[in-house]
Amino acid sequence: ARRQQVESLRRALGLALSGRLQADRGRLAALGRTLHAVGPLATLDRGYAIVVDAASGQIIRHAIDLGPRRMVRVRFADGEASGTLAPGVPAA
């Protein structure tokens, strides 16, 4: 009788752990999708680009931050390009 009770509890614990792991995997997958959706790579997939100062590696966020003849790298969803840009002008 005691042995059957222990075996029954072991099976119940195994099922509970299996269910918990499956639920946690589902939550982790959903969090991964959310993280991708708000990440910079998803932004690139929507047609935007990331401009980086070639010398420092710093992201250039504002047009006015471009100095004269500044070398930049531009990252797109499907690759990179580099070149020199003229100083930026603030939007009206």
PDB file of N, CA and C in Angstrom:
ATOM      1  N   ALA A   1       0.837  -1.199   0.000  1.00  0.00           N
ATOM      2  CA  ALA A   1       0.000   0.000   0.000  1.00  0.00           C
ATOM      3  C   ALA A   1       0.878   1.257   0.000  1.00  0.00           C
ATOM      4  N   ARG A   2       1.889   1.253   0.857  1.00  0.00           N
ATOM      5  CA  ARG A   2       2.791   2.413   0.943  1.00  0.00           C
ATOM      6  C   ARG A   2       3.543   2.601  -0.372  1.00  0.00           C
ATOM      7  N   ARG A   3       3.972   1.483  -0.940  1.00  0.00           N
ATOM      8  CA  ARG A   3       4.705   1.528  -2.208  1.00  0.00           C
ATOM      9  C   ARG A   3       3.834   2.097  -3.323  1.00  0.00           C
ATOM     10  N   GLN A   4       2.563   1.713  -3.368  1.00  0.00           N
ATOM     11  CA  GLN A   4       1.632   2.232  -4.378  1.00  0.00           C
ATOM     12  C   GLN A   4       1.428   3.732  -4.187  1.00  0.00           C
ATOM     13  N   GLN A   5       1.345   4.157  -2.960  1.00  0.00           N
ATOM     14  CA  GLN A   5       1.156   5.586  -2.671  1.00  0.00           C
ATOM     15  C   GLN A   5       2.373   6.386  -3.150  1.00  0.00           C
ATOM     16  N   VAL A   6       3.571   5.890  -2.873  1.00  0.00           N
ATOM     17  CA  VAL A   6       4.798   6.554  -3.304  1.00  0.00           C
ATOM     18  C   VAL A   6       4.845   6.604  -4.829  1.00  0.00           C
ATOM     19  N   GLU A   7       4.518   5.494  -5.486  1.00  0.00           N
ATOM     20  CA  GLU A   7       4.526   5.439  -6.952  1.00  0.00           C
ATOM     21  C   GLU A   7       3.484   6.405  -7.536  1.00  0.00           C
ATOM     22  N   SER A   8       2.333   6.475  -6.927  1.00  0.00           N
ATOM     23  CA  SER A   8       1.284   7.392  -7.379  1.00  0.00           C
ATOM     24  C   SER A   8       1.729   8.847  -7.232  1.00  0.00           C
ATOM     25  N   LEU A   9       2.352   9.160  -6.113  1.00  0.00           N
ATOM     26  CA  LEU A   9       2.865  10.522  -5.896  1.00  0.00           C
ATOM     27  C   LEU A   9       3.987  10.852  -6.880  1.00  0.00           C
ATOM     28  N   ARG A  10       4.841   9.882  -7.184  1.00  0.00           N
ATOM     29  CA  ARG A  10       5.922  10.099  -8.147  1.00  0.00           C
ATOM     30  C   ARG A  10       5.356  10.404  -9.523  1.00  0.00           C
ATOM     31  N   ARG A  11       4.339   9.650  -9.954  1.00  0.00           N
ATOM     32  CA  ARG A  11       3.709   9.902 -11.255  1.00  0.00           C
ATOM     33  C   ARG A  11       3.049  11.285 -11.288  1.00  0.00           C
ATOM     34  N   ALA A  12       2.366  11.624 -10.210  1.00  0.00           N
ATOM     35  CA  ALA A  12       1.692  12.929 -10.145  1.00  0.00           C
ATOM     36  C   ALA A  12       2.711  14.063 -10.206  1.00  0.00           C
ATOM     37  N   LEU A  13       3.815  13.894  -9.495  1.00  0.00           N
ATOM     38  CA  LEU A  13       4.864  14.909  -9.519  1.00  0.00           C
ATOM     39  C   LEU A  13       5.465  15.029 -10.918  1.00  0.00           C
ATOM     40  N   GLY A  14       5.704  13.906 -11.571  1.00  0.00           N
ATOM     41  CA  GLY A  14       6.234  13.917 -12.938  1.00  0.00           C
ATOM     42  C   GLY A  14       5.307  14.634 -13.896  1.00  0.00           C
ATOM     43  N   LEU A  15       4.015  14.369 -13.792  1.00  0.00           N
ATOM     44  CA  LEU A  15       3.033  15.046 -14.649  1.00  0.00           C
ATOM     45  C   LEU A  15       2.976  16.540 -14.353  1.00  0.00           C
ATOM     46  N   ALA A  16       3.027  16.885 -13.082  1.00  0.00           N
ATOM     47  CA  ALA A  16       2.989  18.305 -12.712  1.00  0.00           C
ATOM     48  C   ALA A  16       4.216  19.034 -13.239  1.00  0.00           C
ATOM     49  N   LEU A  17       5.385  18.421 -13.094  1.00  0.00           N
ATOM     50  CA  LEU A  17       6.614  19.046 -13.593  1.00  0.00           C
ATOM     51  C   LEU A  17       6.593  19.170 -15.112  1.00  0.00           C
ATOM     52  N   SER A  18       6.107  18.145 -15.782  1.00  0.00           N
ATOM     53  CA  SER A  18       6.030  18.170 -17.240  1.00  0.00           C
ATOM     54  C   SER A  18       5.104  19.291 -17.712  1.00  0.00           C
ATOM     55  N   GLY A  19       3.966  19.424 -17.050  1.00  0.00           N
ATOM     56  CA  GLY A  19       3.029  20.501 -17.395  1.00  0.00           C
ATOM     57  C   GLY A  19       3.627  21.868 -17.142  1.00  0.00           C
ATOM     58  N   ARG A  20       4.329  21.995 -16.042  1.00  0.00           N
ATOM     59  CA  ARG A  20       4.965  23.268 -15.702  1.00  0.00           C
ATOM     60  C   ARG A  20       6.044  23.639 -16.727  1.00  0.00           C
ATOM     61  N   LEU A  21       6.860  22.655 -17.117  1.00  0.00           N
ATOM     62  CA  LEU A  21       7.902  22.902 -18.112  1.00  0.00           C
ATOM     63  C   LEU A  21       7.294  23.304 -19.452  1.00  0.00           C
ATOM     64  N   GLN A  22       6.233  22.657 -19.844  1.00  0.00           N
ATOM     65  CA  GLN A  22       5.578  22.996 -21.111  1.00  0.00           C
ATOM     66  C   GLN A  22       5.023  24.424 -21.063  1.00  0.00           C
ATOM     67  N   ALA A  23       4.405  24.793 -19.963  1.00  0.00           N
ATOM     68  CA  ALA A  23       3.873  26.151 -19.821  1.00  0.00           C
ATOM     69  C   ALA A  23       5.001  27.180 -19.832  1.00  0.00           C
ATOM     70  N   ASP A  24       6.092  26.881 -19.139  1.00  0.00           N
ATOM     71  CA  ASP A  24       7.238  27.796 -19.108  1.00  0.00           C
ATOM     72  C   ASP A  24       7.869  27.943 -20.486  1.00  0.00           C
ATOM     73  N   ARG A  25       7.954  26.850 -21.243  1.00  0.00           N
ATOM     74  CA  ARG A  25       8.482  26.935 -22.613  1.00  0.00           C
ATOM     75  C   ARG A  25       7.608  27.848 -23.467  1.00  0.00           C
ATOM     76  N   GLY A  26       6.306  27.719 -23.327  1.00  0.00           N
ATOM     77  CA  GLY A  26       5.379  28.577 -24.076  1.00  0.00           C
ATOM     78  C   GLY A  26       5.558  30.040 -23.717  1.00  0.00           C
ATOM     79  N   ARG A  27       5.686  30.325 -22.434  1.00  0.00           N
ATOM     80  CA  ARG A  27       5.900  31.710 -21.990  1.00  0.00           C
ATOM     81  C   ARG A  27       7.220  32.256 -22.508  1.00  0.00           C
ATOM     82  N   LEU A  28       8.265  31.436 -22.462  1.00  0.00           N
ATOM     83  CA  LEU A  28       9.578  31.854 -22.940  1.00  0.00           C
ATOM     84  C   LEU A  28       9.539  32.142 -24.447  1.00  0.00           C
ATOM     85  N   ALA A  29       8.856  31.310 -25.201  1.00  0.00           N
ATOM     86  CA  ALA A  29       8.731  31.542 -26.647  1.00  0.00           C
ATOM     87  C   ALA A  29       7.986  32.850 -26.921  1.00  0.00           C
ATOM     88  N   ALA A  30       6.924  33.109 -26.166  1.00  0.00           N
ATOM     89  CA  ALA A  30       6.162  34.351 -26.342  1.00  0.00           C
ATOM     90  C   ALA A  30       7.018  35.562 -25.996  1.00  0.00           C
ATOM     91  N   LEU A  31       7.802  35.474 -24.926  1.00  0.00           N
ATOM     92  CA  LEU A  31       8.692  36.575 -24.560  1.00  0.00           C
ATOM     93  C   LEU A  31       9.758  36.797 -25.628  1.00  0.00           C
ATOM     94  N   GLY A  32      10.257  35.730 -26.207  1.00  0.00           N
ATOM     95  CA  GLY A  32      11.238  35.845 -27.289  1.00  0.00           C
ATOM     96  C   GLY A  32      10.649  36.564 -28.494  1.00  0.00           C
ATOM     97  N   ARG A  33       9.409  36.246 -28.846  1.00  0.00           N
ATOM     98  CA  ARG A  33       8.744  36.926 -29.969  1.00  0.00           C
ATOM     99  C   ARG A  33       8.540  38.408 -29.659  1.00  0.00           C
ATOM    100  N   THR A  34       8.167  38.714 -28.424  1.00  0.00           N
ATOM    101  CA  THR A  34       7.988  40.110 -28.027  1.00  0.00           C
ATOM    102  C   THR A  34       9.306  40.859 -28.084  1.00  0.00           C
ATOM    103  N   LEU A  35      10.352  40.249 -27.589  1.00  0.00           N
ATOM    104  CA  LEU A  35      11.673  40.874 -27.607  1.00  0.00           C
ATOM    105  C   LEU A  35      12.115  41.152 -29.037  1.00  0.00           C
ATOM    106  N   HIS A  36      11.897  40.201 -29.933  1.00  0.00           N
ATOM    107  CA  HIS A  36      12.266  40.415 -31.338  1.00  0.00           C
ATOM    108  C   HIS A  36      11.445  41.561 -31.943  1.00  0.00           C
ATOM    109  N   ALA A  37      10.164  41.612 -31.617  1.00  0.00           N
ATOM    110  CA  ALA A  37       9.281  42.629 -32.210  1.00  0.00           C
ATOM    111  C   ALA A  37       9.701  44.048 -31.844  1.00  0.00           C
ATOM    112  N   VAL A  38      10.274  44.237 -30.679  1.00  0.00           N
ATOM    113  CA  VAL A  38      10.664  45.594 -30.261  1.00  0.00           C
ATOM    114  C   VAL A  38      12.157  45.844 -30.432  1.00  0.00           C
ATOM    115  N   GLY A  39      12.884  44.860 -30.921  1.00  0.00           N
ATOM    116  CA  GLY A  39      14.334  44.984 -31.057  1.00  0.00           C
ATOM    117  C   GLY A  39      14.747  45.706 -32.327  1.00  0.00           C
ATOM    118  N   PRO A  40      16.014  46.055 -32.419  1.00  0.00           N
ATOM    119  CA  PRO A  40      16.510  46.804 -33.573  1.00  0.00           C
ATOM    120  C   PRO A  40      16.436  46.024 -34.879  1.00  0.00           C
ATOM    121  N   LEU A  41      16.545  44.709 -34.837  1.00  0.00           N
ATOM    122  CA  LEU A  41      16.476  43.943 -36.084  1.00  0.00           C
ATOM    123  C   LEU A  41      15.080  43.989 -36.687  1.00  0.00           C
ATOM    124  N   ALA A  42      14.054  43.993 -35.851  1.00  0.00           N
ATOM    125  CA  ALA A  42      12.685  44.119 -36.368  1.00  0.00           C
ATOM    126  C   ALA A  42      12.478  45.500 -36.975  1.00  0.00           C
ATOM    127  N   THR A  43      13.116  46.510 -36.397  1.00  0.00           N
ATOM    128  CA  THR A  43      13.041  47.860 -36.960  1.00  0.00           C
ATOM    129  C   THR A  43      13.640  47.867 -38.361  1.00  0.00           C
ATOM    130  N   LEU A  44      14.751  47.186 -38.531  1.00  0.00           N
ATOM    131  CA  LEU A  44      15.372  47.089 -39.854  1.00  0.00           C
ATOM    132  C   LEU A  44      14.447  46.363 -40.825  1.00  0.00           C
ATOM    133  N   ASP A  45      13.773  45.331 -40.358  1.00  0.00           N
ATOM    134  CA  ASP A  45      12.839  44.590 -41.212  1.00  0.00           C
ATOM    135  C   ASP A  45      11.683  45.463 -41.693  1.00  0.00           C
ATOM    136  N   ARG A  46      11.356  46.520 -40.937  1.00  0.00           N
ATOM    137  CA  ARG A  46      10.266  47.429 -41.331  1.00  0.00           C
ATOM    138  C   ARG A  46      10.749  48.519 -42.293  1.00  0.00           C
ATOM    139  N   GLY A  47      12.021  48.478 -42.694  1.00  0.00           N
ATOM    140  CA  GLY A  47      12.510  49.418 -43.694  1.00  0.00           C
ATOM    141  C   GLY A  47      13.373  50.539 -43.162  1.00  0.00           C
ATOM    142  N   TYR A  48      13.647  50.544 -41.895  1.00  0.00           N
ATOM    143  CA  TYR A  48      14.508  51.571 -41.326  1.00  0.00           C
ATOM    144  C   TYR A  48      15.967  51.135 -41.429  1.00  0.00           C
ATOM    145  N   ALA A  49      16.875  52.048 -41.147  1.00  0.00           N
ATOM    146  CA  ALA A  49      18.301  51.736 -41.145  1.00  0.00           C
ATOM    147  C   ALA A  49      18.917  52.316 -39.876  1.00  0.00           C
ATOM    148  N   ILE A  50      20.057  51.766 -39.495  1.00  0.00           N
ATOM    149  CA  ILE A  50      20.797  52.261 -38.339  1.00  0.00           C
ATOM    150  C   ILE A  50      22.108  52.843 -38.853  1.00  0.00           C
ATOM    151  N   VAL A  51      22.356  54.115 -38.517  1.00  0.00           N
ATOM    152  CA  VAL A  51      23.562  54.813 -38.962  1.00  0.00           C
ATOM    153  C   VAL A  51      24.546  54.862 -37.793  1.00  0.00           C
ATOM    154  N   VAL A  52      25.777  54.424 -38.058  1.00  0.00           N
ATOM    155  CA  VAL A  52      26.792  54.322 -37.020  1.00  0.00           C
ATOM    156  C   VAL A  52      28.036  55.083 -37.459  1.00  0.00           C
ATOM    157  N   ASP A  53      28.629  55.846 -36.538  1.00  0.00           N
ATOM    158  CA  ASP A  53      29.896  56.512 -36.810  1.00  0.00           C
ATOM    159  C   ASP A  53      30.949  55.427 -37.040  1.00  0.00           C
ATOM    160  N   ALA A  54      31.625  55.478 -38.193  1.00  0.00           N
ATOM    161  CA  ALA A  54      32.581  54.430 -38.549  1.00  0.00           C
ATOM    162  C   ALA A  54      33.763  54.385 -37.593  1.00  0.00           C
ATOM    163  N   ALA A  55      34.185  55.514 -37.074  1.00  0.00           N
ATOM    164  CA  ALA A  55      35.356  55.555 -36.191  1.00  0.00           C
ATOM    165  C   ALA A  55      35.035  55.067 -34.778  1.00  0.00           C
ATOM    166  N   SER A  56      33.942  55.550 -34.204  1.00  0.00           N
ATOM    167  CA  SER A  56      33.644  55.246 -32.800  1.00  0.00           C
ATOM    168  C   SER A  56      32.689  54.074 -32.623  1.00  0.00           C
ATOM    169  N   GLY A  57      31.918  53.752 -33.654  1.00  0.00           N
ATOM    170  CA  GLY A  57      30.910  52.707 -33.521  1.00  0.00           C
ATOM    171  C   GLY A  57      29.638  53.172 -32.842  1.00  0.00           C
ATOM    172  N   GLN A  58      29.551  54.462 -32.517  1.00  0.00           N
ATOM    173  CA  GLN A  58      28.374  55.015 -31.844  1.00  0.00           C
ATOM    174  C   GLN A  58      27.239  55.237 -32.849  1.00  0.00           C
ATOM    175  N   ILE A  59      26.027  54.943 -32.422  1.00  0.00           N
ATOM    176  CA  ILE A  59      24.860  55.178 -33.268  1.00  0.00           C
ATOM    177  C   ILE A  59      24.642  56.682 -33.397  1.00  0.00           C
ATOM    178  N   ILE A  60      24.364  57.130 -34.613  1.00  0.00           N
ATOM    179  CA  ILE A  60      24.056  58.541 -34.859  1.00  0.00           C
ATOM    180  C   ILE A  60      22.536  58.662 -34.897  1.00  0.00           C
ATOM    181  N   ARG A  61      21.983  59.359 -33.919  1.00  0.00           N
ATOM    182  CA  ARG A  61      20.532  59.449 -33.763  1.00  0.00           C
ATOM    183  C   ARG A  61      19.935  60.723 -34.354  1.00  0.00           C
ATOM    184  N   HIS A  62      20.765  61.737 -34.568  1.00  0.00           N
ATOM    185  CA  HIS A  62      20.256  63.033 -35.022  1.00  0.00           C
ATOM    186  C   HIS A  62      21.066  63.527 -36.213  1.00  0.00           C
ATOM    187  N   ALA A  63      20.385  64.112 -37.184  1.00  0.00           N
ATOM    188  CA  ALA A  63      21.057  64.617 -38.380  1.00  0.00           C
ATOM    189  C   ALA A  63      22.114  65.660 -38.023  1.00  0.00           C
ATOM    190  N   ILE A  64      21.825  66.466 -37.039  1.00  0.00           N
ATOM    191  CA  ILE A  64      22.734  67.543 -36.654  1.00  0.00           C
ATOM    192  C   ILE A  64      24.059  66.994 -36.100  1.00  0.00           C
ATOM    193  N   ASP A  65      24.052  65.723 -35.654  1.00  0.00           N
ATOM    194  CA  ASP A  65      25.264  65.123 -35.094  1.00  0.00           C
ATOM    195  C   ASP A  65      26.286  64.727 -36.165  1.00  0.00           C
ATOM    196  N   LEU A  66      25.910  64.821 -37.418  1.00  0.00           N
ATOM    197  CA  LEU A  66      26.855  64.493 -38.487  1.00  0.00           C
ATOM    198  C   LEU A  66      27.794  65.666 -38.710  1.00  0.00           C
ATOM    199  N   GLY A  67      29.057  65.439 -38.492  1.00  0.00           N
ATOM    200  CA  GLY A  67      30.061  66.473 -38.745  1.00  0.00           C
ATOM    201  C   GLY A  67      30.419  66.484 -40.221  1.00  0.00           C
ATOM    202  N   PRO A  68      31.242  67.425 -40.632  1.00  0.00           N
ATOM    203  CA  PRO A  68      31.632  67.501 -42.038  1.00  0.00           C
ATOM    204  C   PRO A  68      32.422  66.256 -42.460  1.00  0.00           C
ATOM    205  N   ARG A  69      32.031  65.699 -43.596  1.00  0.00           N
ATOM    206  CA  ARG A  69      32.729  64.555 -44.205  1.00  0.00           C
ATOM    207  C   ARG A  69      32.905  63.395 -43.219  1.00  0.00           C
ATOM    208  N   ARG A  70      31.888  63.103 -42.484  1.00  0.00           N
ATOM    209  CA  ARG A  70      31.953  62.042 -41.467  1.00  0.00           C
ATOM    210  C   ARG A  70      31.723  60.673 -42.107  1.00  0.00           C
ATOM    211  N   MET A  71      32.621  59.737 -41.829  1.00  0.00           N
ATOM    212  CA  MET A  71      32.480  58.361 -42.319  1.00  0.00           C
ATOM    213  C   MET A  71      31.462  57.620 -41.459  1.00  0.00           C
ATOM    214  N   VAL A  72      30.526  56.962 -42.117  1.00  0.00           N
ATOM    215  CA  VAL A  72      29.486  56.222 -41.403  1.00  0.00           C
ATOM    216  C   VAL A  72      29.321  54.832 -42.014  1.00  0.00           C
ATOM    217  N   ARG A  73      28.741  53.962 -41.210  1.00  0.00           N
ATOM    218  CA  ARG A  73      28.262  52.657 -41.687  1.00  0.00           C
ATOM    219  C   ARG A  73      26.752  52.673 -41.522  1.00  0.00           C
ATOM    220  N   VAL A  74      26.051  52.183 -42.517  1.00  0.00           N
ATOM    221  CA  VAL A  74      24.593  52.142 -42.471  1.00  0.00           C
ATOM    222  C   VAL A  74      24.170  50.679 -42.517  1.00  0.00           C
ATOM    223  N   ARG A  75      23.439  50.253 -41.500  1.00  0.00           N
ATOM    224  CA  ARG A  75      22.994  48.862 -41.443  1.00  0.00           C
ATOM    225  C   ARG A  75      21.546  48.772 -41.887  1.00  0.00           C
ATOM    226  N   PHE A  76      21.301  47.898 -42.844  1.00  0.00           N
ATOM    227  CA  PHE A  76      19.962  47.604 -43.349  1.00  0.00           C
ATOM    228  C   PHE A  76      19.596  46.184 -42.937  1.00  0.00           C
ATOM    229  N   ALA A  77      18.371  45.787 -43.179  1.00  0.00           N
ATOM    230  CA  ALA A  77      17.940  44.430 -42.832  1.00  0.00           C
ATOM    231  C   ALA A  77      18.754  43.387 -43.585  1.00  0.00           C
ATOM    232  N   ASP A  78      19.188  43.717 -44.806  1.00  0.00           N
ATOM    233  CA  ASP A  78      19.862  42.719 -45.631  1.00  0.00           C
ATOM    234  C   ASP A  78      21.358  42.969 -45.818  1.00  0.00           C
ATOM    235  N   GLY A  79      21.951  43.869 -45.039  1.00  0.00           N
ATOM    236  CA  GLY A  79      23.380  44.101 -45.163  1.00  0.00           C
ATOM    237  C   GLY A  79      23.789  45.473 -44.689  1.00  0.00           C
ATOM    238  N   GLU A  80      25.005  45.866 -45.070  1.00  0.00           N
ATOM    239  CA  GLU A  80      25.567  47.155 -44.649  1.00  0.00           C
ATOM    240  C   GLU A  80      26.127  47.901 -45.841  1.00  0.00           C
ATOM    241  N   ALA A  81      26.221  49.208 -45.686  1.00  0.00           N
ATOM    242  CA  ALA A  81      26.898  50.076 -46.645  1.00  0.00           C
ATOM    243  C   ALA A  81      27.694  51.070 -45.834  1.00  0.00           C
ATOM    244  N   SER A  82      28.707  51.675 -46.448  1.00  0.00           N
ATOM    245  CA  SER A  82      29.470  52.691 -45.735  1.00  0.00           C
ATOM    246  C   SER A  82      29.778  53.813 -46.697  1.00  0.00           C
ATOM    247  N   GLY A  83      30.093  54.964 -46.125  1.00  0.00           N
ATOM    248  CA  GLY A  83      30.428  56.114 -46.954  1.00  0.00           C
ATOM    249  C   GLY A  83      30.578  57.364 -46.106  1.00  0.00           C
ATOM    250  N   THR A  84      30.738  58.475 -46.794  1.00  0.00           N
ATOM    251  CA  THR A  84      30.899  59.772 -46.132  1.00  0.00           C
ATOM    252  C   THR A  84      29.621  60.576 -46.345  1.00  0.00           C
ATOM    253  N   LEU A  85      29.167  61.211 -45.276  1.00  0.00           N
ATOM    254  CA  LEU A  85      27.944  62.017 -45.359  1.00  0.00           C
ATOM    255  C   LEU A  85      28.271  63.464 -45.065  1.00  0.00           C
ATOM    256  N   ALA A  86      27.488  64.365 -45.658  1.00  0.00           N
ATOM    257  CA  ALA A  86      27.597  65.789 -45.380  1.00  0.00           C
ATOM    258  C   ALA A  86      26.918  66.073 -44.035  1.00  0.00           C
ATOM    259  N   PRO A  87      27.196  67.236 -43.437  1.00  0.00           N
ATOM    260  CA  PRO A  87      26.535  67.569 -42.177  1.00  0.00           C
ATOM    261  C   PRO A  87      25.018  67.557 -42.331  1.00  0.00           C
ATOM    262  N   GLY A  88      24.346  67.176 -41.254  1.00  0.00           N
ATOM    263  CA  GLY A  88      22.892  67.108 -41.272  1.00  0.00           C
ATOM    264  C   GLY A  88      22.259  68.468 -41.022  1.00  0.00           C
ATOM    265  N   VAL A  89      21.002  68.543 -41.390  1.00  0.00           N
ATOM    266  CA  VAL A  89      20.197  69.742 -41.177  1.00  0.00           C
ATOM    267  C   VAL A  89      18.970  69.325 -40.384  1.00  0.00           C
ATOM    268  N   PRO A  90      18.650  70.038 -39.291  1.00  0.00           N
ATOM    269  CA  PRO A  90      17.480  69.661 -38.494  1.00  0.00           C
ATOM    270  C   PRO A  90      16.198  69.767 -39.323  1.00  0.00           C
ATOM    271  N   ALA A  91      15.244  68.891 -39.014  1.00  0.00           N
ATOM    272  CA  ALA A  91      13.947  68.928 -39.684  1.00  0.00           C
ATOM    273  C   ALA A  91      13.202  70.202 -39.278  1.00  0.00           C
ATOM    274  N   ALA A  92      12.422  70.699 -40.209  1.00  0.00           N
ATOM    275  CA  ALA A  92      11.647  71.933 -39.939  1.00  0.00           C
ATOM    276  C   ALA A  92      10.489  71.676 -39.035  1.00  0.00           C
TER     277      ALA A  92
END
